[in-house]
Each structure stands twice: as C-alpha cells, then as structure tokens.
Amino acid sequence: MIAFLLWCILLILCWPLALAALVLYPLVWLILLPFRIVGIAVGGVLELLWAMMTLPARVLRGPRRA
C-alpha cells in the first residue's frame, strides 16, 4: 500500500518518471529473478553444510531433555 501511495505521489510530481517506473519494474524483476533463485540455492547448500559440520557435536551431546 505504501509503495502505491509513493507511486501516486511520484505520478503527481513527475508523471513521465512514474510511467517509466511502471513499465520498467516488471522487466527489472524478471532480470533479477535468476539471482534470487541462485541465492535460495546457495542458502540451502550453506544450511546443509552447517548441518553436516555440527552433526557430530549434536550426536555426541546426546538427546535433549525437556
């Protein structure tokens, strides 16, 4: 909602820039989508590596008591 209100203010102040933002936003989103997917994959790999590195300590510590 805030983004829409800011866009409306931009439309009042400088309508060509607001229309350019309206047209270019989906294109920028499509260009950045592969980087977002790679970021999710790298995050998953790092979580897996962290789990593998801390597994021996968790096994040696034994079961947790509630």
N, C-alpha and C. Protein backbone atom coordinates (compact mmCIF):
# COMPACT_ATOMS: atom_id res chain seq x y z
N MET A 1 0.82 -1.19 0.00
CA MET A 1 0.00 0.00 0.00
C MET A 1 0.87 1.26 0.00
N ILE A 2 1.95 1.20 0.78
CA ILE A 2 2.85 2.35 0.85
C ILE A 2 3.52 2.58 -0.51
N ALA A 3 3.89 1.49 -1.18
CA ALA A 3 4.51 1.62 -2.49
C ALA A 3 3.54 2.28 -3.47
N PHE A 4 2.28 1.93 -3.39
CA PHE A 4 1.29 2.53 -4.28
C PHE A 4 1.12 4.01 -3.99
N LEU A 5 1.10 4.37 -2.73
CA LEU A 5 0.97 5.78 -2.37
C LEU A 5 2.18 6.58 -2.83
N LEU A 6 3.38 6.00 -2.67
CA LEU A 6 4.58 6.67 -3.16
C LEU A 6 4.54 6.83 -4.67
N TRP A 7 4.02 5.81 -5.36
CA TRP A 7 3.92 5.90 -6.80
C TRP A 7 2.92 6.99 -7.21
N CYS A 8 1.83 7.11 -6.47
CA CYS A 8 0.86 8.17 -6.75
C CYS A 8 1.47 9.55 -6.56
N ILE A 9 2.27 9.72 -5.51
CA ILE A 9 2.96 10.99 -5.30
C ILE A 9 3.92 11.26 -6.44
N LEU A 10 4.65 10.24 -6.86
CA LEU A 10 5.57 10.40 -7.99
C LEU A 10 4.80 10.73 -9.26
N LEU A 11 3.63 10.16 -9.43
CA LEU A 11 2.80 10.45 -10.61
C LEU A 11 2.38 11.92 -10.62
N ILE A 12 2.08 12.46 -9.47
CA ILE A 12 1.70 13.86 -9.39
C ILE A 12 2.90 14.77 -9.64
N LEU A 13 4.05 14.39 -9.07
CA LEU A 13 5.23 15.26 -9.19
C LEU A 13 5.89 15.17 -10.55
N CYS A 14 6.03 13.95 -11.07
CA CYS A 14 6.74 13.77 -12.34
C CYS A 14 6.15 12.55 -13.04
N TRP A 15 5.10 12.77 -13.85
CA TRP A 15 4.39 11.65 -14.43
C TRP A 15 5.21 10.84 -15.43
N PRO A 16 6.16 11.43 -16.20
CA PRO A 16 6.94 10.55 -17.09
C PRO A 16 7.80 9.54 -16.32
N LEU A 17 8.38 9.99 -15.21
CA LEU A 17 9.19 9.07 -14.40
C LEU A 17 8.32 7.99 -13.77
N ALA A 18 7.12 8.34 -13.34
CA ALA A 18 6.22 7.35 -12.76
C ALA A 18 5.80 6.31 -13.79
N LEU A 19 5.52 6.75 -15.00
CA LEU A 19 5.15 5.78 -16.05
C LEU A 19 6.33 4.91 -16.45
N ALA A 20 7.54 5.50 -16.48
CA ALA A 20 8.73 4.70 -16.77
C ALA A 20 8.95 3.65 -15.69
N ALA A 21 8.75 4.03 -14.43
CA ALA A 21 8.90 3.07 -13.34
C ALA A 21 7.86 1.96 -13.46
N LEU A 22 6.66 2.33 -13.85
CA LEU A 22 5.60 1.33 -14.01
C LEU A 22 5.92 0.33 -15.11
N VAL A 23 6.55 0.78 -16.17
CA VAL A 23 6.90 -0.11 -17.28
C VAL A 23 8.16 -0.91 -16.98
N LEU A 24 9.15 -0.29 -16.34
CA LEU A 24 10.44 -0.94 -16.13
C LEU A 24 10.45 -1.90 -14.93
N TYR A 25 9.56 -1.73 -13.96
CA TYR A 25 9.57 -2.58 -12.77
C TYR A 25 9.44 -4.08 -13.11
N PRO A 26 8.50 -4.50 -13.96
CA PRO A 26 8.44 -5.94 -14.29
C PRO A 26 9.68 -6.43 -15.02
N LEU A 27 10.26 -5.59 -15.86
CA LEU A 27 11.47 -6.01 -16.57
C LEU A 27 12.64 -6.21 -15.61
N VAL A 28 12.80 -5.29 -14.68
CA VAL A 28 13.87 -5.43 -13.68
C VAL A 28 13.62 -6.66 -12.82
N TRP A 29 12.36 -6.91 -12.47
CA TRP A 29 12.03 -8.08 -11.65
C TRP A 29 12.40 -9.37 -12.40
N LEU A 30 12.12 -9.42 -13.70
CA LEU A 30 12.46 -10.60 -14.49
C LEU A 30 13.97 -10.78 -14.62
N ILE A 31 14.71 -9.68 -14.75
CA ILE A 31 16.16 -9.76 -14.86
C ILE A 31 16.78 -10.25 -13.54
N LEU A 32 16.22 -9.82 -12.40
CA LEU A 32 16.79 -10.19 -11.11
C LEU A 32 16.31 -11.55 -10.60
N LEU A 33 15.31 -12.14 -11.23
CA LEU A 33 14.77 -13.43 -10.77
C LEU A 33 15.80 -14.55 -10.74
N PRO A 34 16.67 -14.72 -11.74
CA PRO A 34 17.68 -15.79 -11.64
C PRO A 34 18.63 -15.61 -10.45
N PHE A 35 18.97 -14.36 -10.13
CA PHE A 35 19.84 -14.12 -8.99
C PHE A 35 19.16 -14.51 -7.68
N ARG A 36 17.86 -14.27 -7.60
CA ARG A 36 17.11 -14.65 -6.40
C ARG A 36 17.07 -16.17 -6.26
N ILE A 37 16.88 -16.88 -7.39
CA ILE A 37 16.85 -18.34 -7.35
C ILE A 37 18.22 -18.88 -6.95
N VAL A 38 19.29 -18.31 -7.49
CA VAL A 38 20.64 -18.73 -7.10
C VAL A 38 20.88 -18.47 -5.62
N GLY A 39 20.40 -17.34 -5.12
CA GLY A 39 20.55 -17.03 -3.70
C GLY A 39 19.85 -18.04 -2.80
N ILE A 40 18.66 -18.48 -3.21
CA ILE A 40 17.94 -19.50 -2.44
C ILE A 40 18.71 -20.82 -2.46
N ALA A 41 19.25 -21.19 -3.62
CA ALA A 41 20.01 -22.44 -3.73
C ALA A 41 21.29 -22.38 -2.90
N VAL A 42 22.00 -21.27 -2.95
CA VAL A 42 23.24 -21.14 -2.16
C VAL A 42 22.92 -21.17 -0.68
N GLY A 43 21.85 -20.53 -0.28
CA GLY A 43 21.44 -20.57 1.13
C GLY A 43 21.14 -22.00 1.59
N GLY A 44 20.48 -22.77 0.74
CA GLY A 44 20.20 -24.17 1.07
C GLY A 44 21.46 -25.00 1.19
N VAL A 45 22.42 -24.79 0.29
CA VAL A 45 23.69 -25.52 0.36
C VAL A 45 24.46 -25.15 1.62
N LEU A 46 24.46 -23.87 1.98
CA LEU A 46 25.16 -23.46 3.20
C LEU A 46 24.49 -24.03 4.45
N GLU A 47 23.16 -24.09 4.45
CA GLU A 47 22.46 -24.72 5.58
C GLU A 47 22.80 -26.21 5.68
N LEU A 48 22.89 -26.89 4.53
CA LEU A 48 23.25 -28.31 4.52
C LEU A 48 24.66 -28.51 5.05
N LEU A 49 25.60 -27.67 4.60
CA LEU A 49 26.97 -27.78 5.09
C LEU A 49 27.05 -27.52 6.59
N TRP A 50 26.30 -26.54 7.08
CA TRP A 50 26.29 -26.24 8.51
C TRP A 50 25.74 -27.44 9.30
N ALA A 51 24.68 -28.06 8.78
CA ALA A 51 24.11 -29.22 9.46
C ALA A 51 25.10 -30.38 9.46
N MET A 52 25.84 -30.57 8.38
CA MET A 52 26.83 -31.66 8.33
C MET A 52 27.99 -31.40 9.28
N MET A 53 28.40 -30.14 9.42
CA MET A 53 29.53 -29.82 10.29
C MET A 53 29.15 -29.93 11.77
N THR A 54 27.92 -29.60 12.11
CA THR A 54 27.51 -29.64 13.51
C THR A 54 26.89 -30.98 13.92
N LEU A 55 26.72 -31.90 12.98
CA LEU A 55 26.11 -33.19 13.30
C LEU A 55 26.91 -33.98 14.33
N PRO A 56 28.24 -34.10 14.22
CA PRO A 56 28.97 -34.87 15.24
C PRO A 56 28.79 -34.30 16.64
N ALA A 57 28.78 -33.00 16.78
CA ALA A 57 28.60 -32.42 18.11
C ALA A 57 27.22 -32.72 18.65
N ARG A 58 26.21 -32.68 17.79
CA ARG A 58 24.85 -32.98 18.25
C ARG A 58 24.70 -34.44 18.61
N VAL A 59 25.39 -35.34 17.88
CA VAL A 59 25.30 -36.77 18.19
C VAL A 59 26.01 -37.05 19.51
N LEU A 60 27.18 -36.46 19.73
CA LEU A 60 27.93 -36.70 20.97
C LEU A 60 27.24 -36.10 22.20
N ARG A 61 26.50 -35.00 22.00
CA ARG A 61 25.82 -34.35 23.11
C ARG A 61 24.69 -35.21 23.64
N GLY A 62 24.10 -36.01 22.80
CA GLY A 62 23.02 -36.90 23.22
C GLY A 62 21.67 -36.23 23.12
N PRO A 63 20.63 -36.95 23.57
CA PRO A 63 19.26 -36.40 23.46
C PRO A 63 19.06 -35.24 24.43
N ARG A 64 18.26 -34.31 24.02
CA ARG A 64 17.95 -33.17 24.88
C ARG A 64 16.81 -33.53 25.81
N ARG A 65 16.88 -32.98 27.01
CA ARG A 65 15.82 -33.22 27.97
C ARG A 65 14.92 -31.99 28.02
N ALA A 66 13.62 -32.25 28.06
CA ALA A 66 12.65 -31.12 28.05
C ALA A 66 12.48 -30.53 29.42
